[in-house]
Protein backbone atom coordinates (compact mmCIF):
# COMPACT_ATOMS: atom_id res chain seq x y z
CA UNK A 1 0.25 -29.58 -3.20
CA UNK A 2 -0.01 -25.82 -3.80
CA UNK A 3 -2.00 -24.93 -6.91
CA UNK A 4 -0.87 -22.33 -9.42
CA UNK A 5 -2.82 -19.08 -9.18
CA UNK A 6 -5.10 -18.17 -12.08
CA UNK A 7 -5.14 -14.41 -12.67
CA UNK A 8 -7.77 -14.38 -15.42
CA UNK A 9 -10.42 -11.74 -14.52
CA UNK A 10 -8.85 -11.06 -11.12
CA UNK A 11 -8.75 -7.40 -10.06
CA UNK A 12 -5.11 -6.52 -9.38
CA UNK A 13 -4.22 -3.33 -7.49
CA UNK A 14 -0.61 -2.28 -8.10
CA UNK A 15 1.00 0.62 -6.25
CA UNK A 16 4.00 2.27 -7.83
CA UNK A 17 2.65 1.04 -11.16
CA UNK A 18 4.18 3.75 -13.32
CA UNK A 19 7.64 2.20 -13.62
CA UNK A 20 10.04 -0.54 -12.59
CA UNK A 21 8.78 -3.64 -10.82
CA UNK A 22 5.24 -2.27 -10.56
CA UNK A 23 5.04 -1.74 -14.33
CA UNK A 24 6.52 -5.20 -14.93
CA UNK A 25 3.81 -6.73 -12.72
CA UNK A 26 1.18 -4.82 -14.71
CA UNK A 27 2.38 -6.28 -18.01
CA UNK A 28 2.86 -9.82 -16.65
CA UNK A 29 -0.60 -10.01 -15.08
CA UNK A 30 -2.41 -8.23 -17.91
CA UNK A 31 -0.91 -10.83 -20.22
CA UNK A 32 -2.62 -13.46 -18.05
CA UNK A 33 -5.97 -11.69 -18.37
CA UNK A 34 -6.08 -9.77 -15.09
CA UNK A 35 -7.91 -6.45 -14.76
CA UNK A 36 -5.75 -3.69 -13.30
CA UNK A 37 -6.01 -0.85 -10.79
CA UNK A 38 -2.93 1.25 -11.51
CA UNK A 39 -1.81 3.51 -8.66
CA UNK A 40 1.01 6.08 -8.61
CA UNK A 41 1.46 9.83 -8.25
CA UNK A 42 1.63 10.65 -11.97
CA UNK A 43 -1.84 10.41 -13.50
CA UNK A 44 -0.61 11.30 -16.99
CA UNK A 45 1.92 8.46 -17.01
CA UNK A 46 -0.63 6.00 -15.66
CA UNK A 47 -3.18 6.90 -18.32
CA UNK A 48 -0.62 6.23 -21.06
CA UNK A 49 0.24 2.87 -19.50
CA UNK A 50 -3.43 1.97 -19.04
CA UNK A 51 -4.26 2.72 -22.66
CA UNK A 52 -1.32 0.63 -23.86
CA UNK A 53 -2.23 -2.37 -21.67
CA UNK A 54 -5.93 -2.26 -22.57
CA UNK A 55 -5.12 -2.13 -26.29
CA UNK A 56 -2.44 -4.83 -26.12
CA UNK A 57 -4.13 -7.37 -23.86
CA UNK A 58 -7.85 -6.56 -24.11
CA UNK A 59 -8.25 -6.18 -20.35
CA UNK A 60 -10.05 -3.64 -18.19
CA UNK A 61 -8.01 -1.11 -16.23
CA UNK A 62 -8.50 2.01 -14.16
CA UNK A 63 -6.11 4.70 -12.97
CA UNK A 64 -6.00 6.21 -9.47
CA UNK A 65 -3.46 8.98 -8.86
CA UNK A 66 -2.39 9.18 -5.22
CA UNK A 67 0.57 9.96 -2.98
CA UNK A 68 0.55 7.01 -0.59
CA UNK A 69 3.03 8.67 1.75
CA UNK A 70 0.12 10.84 2.94
CA UNK A 71 -1.96 9.46 5.80
CA UNK A 72 -5.31 8.02 4.76
CA UNK A 73 -4.54 7.85 1.03
CA UNK A 74 -4.45 4.04 0.90
CA UNK A 75 -7.99 3.75 2.27
CA UNK A 76 -9.19 6.32 -0.26
CA UNK A 77 -7.57 4.38 -3.11
CA UNK A 78 -9.24 1.15 -2.02
CA UNK A 79 -12.62 2.87 -1.71
CA UNK A 80 -12.30 4.41 -5.19
CA UNK A 81 -11.40 1.04 -6.71
CA UNK A 82 -14.44 -0.60 -5.11
CA UNK A 83 -16.74 2.23 -6.17
CA UNK A 84 -15.68 1.69 -9.79
CA UNK A 85 -16.39 -2.05 -9.56
CA UNK A 86 -12.79 -3.17 -9.16
CA UNK A 87 -12.68 -4.68 -5.66
CA UNK A 88 -9.08 -5.94 -5.45
CA UNK A 89 -8.50 -9.69 -5.21
CA UNK A 90 -4.75 -9.30 -5.79
CA UNK A 91 -2.64 -6.58 -4.15
CA UNK A 92 0.89 -5.64 -5.20
CA UNK A 93 2.35 -3.27 -2.59
CA UNK A 94 5.25 -2.02 -4.69
CA UNK A 95 5.44 1.73 -4.04
CA UNK A 96 8.49 2.72 -2.03
CA UNK A 97 11.40 5.10 -1.83
CA UNK A 98 14.87 5.35 -0.33
CA UNK A 99 17.22 8.03 0.90
CA UNK A 100 21.00 7.83 1.14
CA UNK A 101 23.41 9.55 3.51
CA UNK A 102 24.15 10.04 7.20
CA UNK A 103 20.91 9.67 9.17
CA UNK A 104 21.69 12.80 11.22
CA UNK A 105 22.21 14.90 8.09
CA UNK A 106 19.17 13.85 6.10
CA UNK A 107 15.90 15.76 6.43
CA UNK A 108 13.72 14.30 9.16
CA UNK A 109 10.59 15.09 7.13
CA UNK A 110 12.06 13.22 4.16
CA UNK A 111 12.78 10.16 6.30
CA UNK A 112 9.35 10.26 7.97
CA UNK A 113 7.76 10.32 4.50
CA UNK A 114 9.86 7.29 3.58
CA UNK A 115 8.53 5.41 6.62
CA UNK A 116 4.96 6.37 5.75
CA UNK A 117 5.27 5.09 2.18
CA UNK A 118 7.38 1.99 2.81
CA UNK A 119 5.57 0.82 5.96
CA UNK A 120 2.25 2.50 6.68
CA UNK A 121 0.99 2.40 3.09
CA UNK A 122 1.70 -1.35 3.04
CA UNK A 123 -0.12 -1.82 6.34
CA UNK A 124 -3.08 0.38 5.38
CA UNK A 125 -3.58 -1.18 1.95
CA UNK A 126 -3.28 -4.71 3.33
CA UNK A 127 -5.77 -3.91 6.10
CA UNK A 128 -8.21 -2.47 3.56
CA UNK A 129 -8.08 -5.41 1.14
CA UNK A 130 -7.86 -8.41 3.47
CA UNK A 131 -11.47 -8.56 4.76
CA UNK A 132 -12.97 -9.07 1.29
CA UNK A 133 -10.26 -11.58 0.41
CA UNK A 134 -10.98 -13.60 3.54
CA UNK A 135 -14.73 -13.44 2.93
CA UNK A 136 -14.17 -14.89 -0.55
CA UNK A 137 -11.54 -17.39 0.64
CA UNK A 138 -9.20 -16.11 -2.05
CA UNK A 139 -6.58 -13.40 -2.19
CA UNK A 140 -3.02 -12.63 -3.15
CA UNK A 141 -0.74 -10.03 -1.53
CA UNK A 142 2.77 -9.21 -2.71
CA UNK A 143 4.75 -6.85 -0.49
CA UNK A 144 7.93 -5.68 -2.19
CA UNK A 145 10.72 -5.71 0.38
CA UNK A 146 14.42 -5.95 -0.52
CA UNK A 147 17.63 -7.78 0.24
CA UNK A 148 18.23 -4.70 2.41
CA UNK A 149 15.72 -6.27 4.82
CA UNK A 150 18.16 -8.90 6.03
CA UNK A 151 20.65 -6.66 7.85
CA UNK A 152 20.88 -3.05 9.03
CA UNK A 153 22.08 -0.74 6.27
CA UNK A 154 24.41 2.10 7.29
CA UNK A 155 23.79 5.26 5.24
CA UNK A 156 20.40 3.83 4.25
CA UNK A 157 19.24 3.30 7.82
CA UNK A 158 15.56 4.08 7.30
CA UNK A 159 15.28 2.15 4.03
CA UNK A 160 16.79 -1.02 5.50
CA UNK A 161 14.64 -0.76 8.62
CA UNK A 162 11.43 -0.25 6.64
CA UNK A 163 12.16 -3.21 4.39
CA UNK A 164 12.91 -5.36 7.43
CA UNK A 165 9.47 -4.33 8.71
CA UNK A 166 7.87 -5.35 5.41
CA UNK A 167 9.55 -8.76 5.52
CA UNK A 168 8.46 -9.42 9.11
CA UNK A 169 4.94 -8.08 8.55
CA UNK A 170 4.49 -10.19 5.43
CA UNK A 171 5.58 -13.35 7.22
CA UNK A 172 3.05 -12.75 9.97
CA UNK A 173 0.23 -12.16 7.45
CA UNK A 174 1.21 -15.33 5.58
CA UNK A 175 0.97 -17.41 8.77
CA UNK A 176 -2.35 -15.86 9.82
CA UNK A 177 -4.08 -16.26 6.47
CA UNK A 178 -2.57 -19.17 4.54
CA UNK A 179 -5.28 -21.56 5.75
CA UNK A 180 -8.02 -19.13 4.71
CA UNK A 181 -7.29 -18.93 1.00
CA UNK A 182 -5.05 -15.86 1.09
CA UNK A 183 -1.41 -16.09 0.03
CA UNK A 184 1.15 -13.47 1.09
CA UNK A 185 4.64 -13.09 -0.34
CA UNK A 186 7.51 -10.80 0.62
CA UNK A 187 9.44 -10.16 -2.59
CA UNK A 188 13.09 -9.39 -1.81
CA UNK A 189 14.94 -8.26 -4.93
CA UNK A 190 18.51 -7.10 -4.99
CA UNK A 191 19.76 -4.54 -7.48
CA UNK A 192 17.12 -4.23 -10.20
CA UNK A 193 17.22 -2.34 -13.48
CA UNK A 194 14.80 0.43 -12.49
CA UNK A 195 14.98 4.17 -11.78
CA UNK A 196 15.62 3.41 -8.09
CA UNK A 197 19.33 4.25 -8.17
CA UNK A 198 18.76 7.42 -10.19
CA UNK A 199 16.31 8.64 -7.57
CA UNK A 200 18.56 7.70 -4.64
CA UNK A 201 21.46 9.34 -6.52
CA UNK A 202 24.14 7.17 -4.91
CA UNK A 203 26.27 4.65 -6.79
CA UNK A 204 27.22 3.20 -3.40
CA UNK A 205 23.70 1.79 -3.05
CA UNK A 206 24.19 -0.42 -6.10
CA UNK A 207 25.36 -3.80 -4.81
CA UNK A 208 25.75 -6.61 -7.32
CA UNK A 209 24.61 -6.98 -10.90
CA UNK A 210 21.23 -5.52 -11.81
CA UNK A 211 18.43 -7.94 -12.68
CA UNK A 212 15.66 -6.92 -15.05
CA UNK A 213 12.30 -6.04 -13.51
CA UNK A 214 10.64 -8.64 -15.74
CA UNK A 215 12.92 -11.36 -14.36
CA UNK A 216 12.14 -10.29 -10.78
CA UNK A 217 8.39 -10.50 -11.43
CA UNK A 218 8.70 -13.89 -13.12
CA UNK A 219 10.49 -15.27 -10.05
CA UNK A 220 7.89 -13.71 -7.74
CA UNK A 221 4.98 -15.35 -9.57
CA UNK A 222 6.81 -18.68 -9.53
CA UNK A 223 7.37 -18.35 -5.77
CA UNK A 224 3.64 -17.81 -5.28
CA UNK A 225 2.81 -20.95 -7.19
CA UNK A 226 5.27 -22.81 -4.96
CA UNK A 227 3.52 -21.55 -1.82
CA UNK A 228 6.48 -19.57 -0.51
CA UNK A 229 6.09 -16.73 1.98
CA UNK A 230 9.20 -14.87 0.79
CA UNK A 231 11.64 -15.06 -2.08
CA UNK A 232 15.05 -13.54 -2.75
CA UNK A 233 15.70 -13.01 -6.45
CA UNK A 234 19.07 -14.20 -7.72
CA UNK A 235 21.56 -16.72 -6.32
CA UNK A 236 24.17 -14.10 -5.40
CA UNK A 237 21.55 -12.02 -3.59
CA UNK A 238 20.39 -15.10 -1.69
CA UNK A 239 23.96 -15.81 -0.58
CA UNK A 240 24.52 -12.23 0.62
CA UNK A 241 21.25 -12.27 2.55
CA UNK A 242 22.43 -15.33 4.50
CA UNK A 243 25.64 -13.75 5.81
CA UNK A 244 23.97 -12.58 9.02
CA UNK A 245 23.14 -16.22 9.82
CA UNK A 246 26.78 -17.31 9.80
CA UNK A 247 28.87 -14.26 10.76
CA UNK A 248 28.86 -12.22 13.97
CA UNK A 249 26.39 -9.34 13.78
CA UNK A 250 29.08 -6.70 14.29
CA UNK A 251 31.15 -8.18 11.46
CA UNK A 252 28.16 -8.02 9.12
CA UNK A 253 27.57 -4.40 10.13
CA UNK A 254 31.19 -3.46 9.48
CA UNK A 255 31.09 -5.19 6.11
CA UNK A 256 27.83 -3.49 5.14
CA UNK A 257 29.18 -0.12 6.22
CA UNK A 258 32.27 -0.63 4.05
CA UNK A 259 30.11 -1.49 1.03
CA UNK A 260 27.67 1.39 1.45
CA UNK A 261 29.86 4.17 2.83
CA UNK A 262 30.15 7.35 0.73
CA UNK A 263 33.01 7.41 -1.75
CA UNK A 264 34.89 10.60 -2.49
């Protein structure tokens, strides 16, 4: 039987920790006594969050400002954490971004940056942290994917493809490492009450009722304790993610296009 994970005194590295699901993970794990490595682009915001968490929960926490869409940044973040005595035993790969519109009309540089952040940063950070986890026979990795991972997503082509990569990559890591003390989970939330849709600036991307970030994190931690390798948050989201198993692929694509297509 899978044992519940104890986060007391674990060093948790969270990317995209300044808001949304990343911030919710920070609060949930600090409440359980974890020490935090908070990573995002905005140092000022992170410092405010760090000070609040340290005061509220009596934990230790450090801040590392970095743009993980830049090559090599993930390795630098890991090295800085270790140098400050915070070798990560838990990794939350939450940082990500999306773009909306016709693939041919969106900036190629913008979409390449999206791939770097959503895919390569996840790969690089996982590759940096895994050796120490395996040496200690203990580790936890959460890779935040999306319900967008379960089918191609017209008008969000790169986002859907990157999240599909995260889901597949996470499953492979789970299978490779589950017998060596390291658990890996692909977290697949649907619409969540974060700034995501404000940044994407497209109401069409909002599918279904928004779930709170706190609820998403609670379900993710429960899934870990149950030994799962992926979890879809919300019953309606789970149902939608299964459509590609029962309907012809072209029908699913047409349906998804209808849902996501731009509205005048």
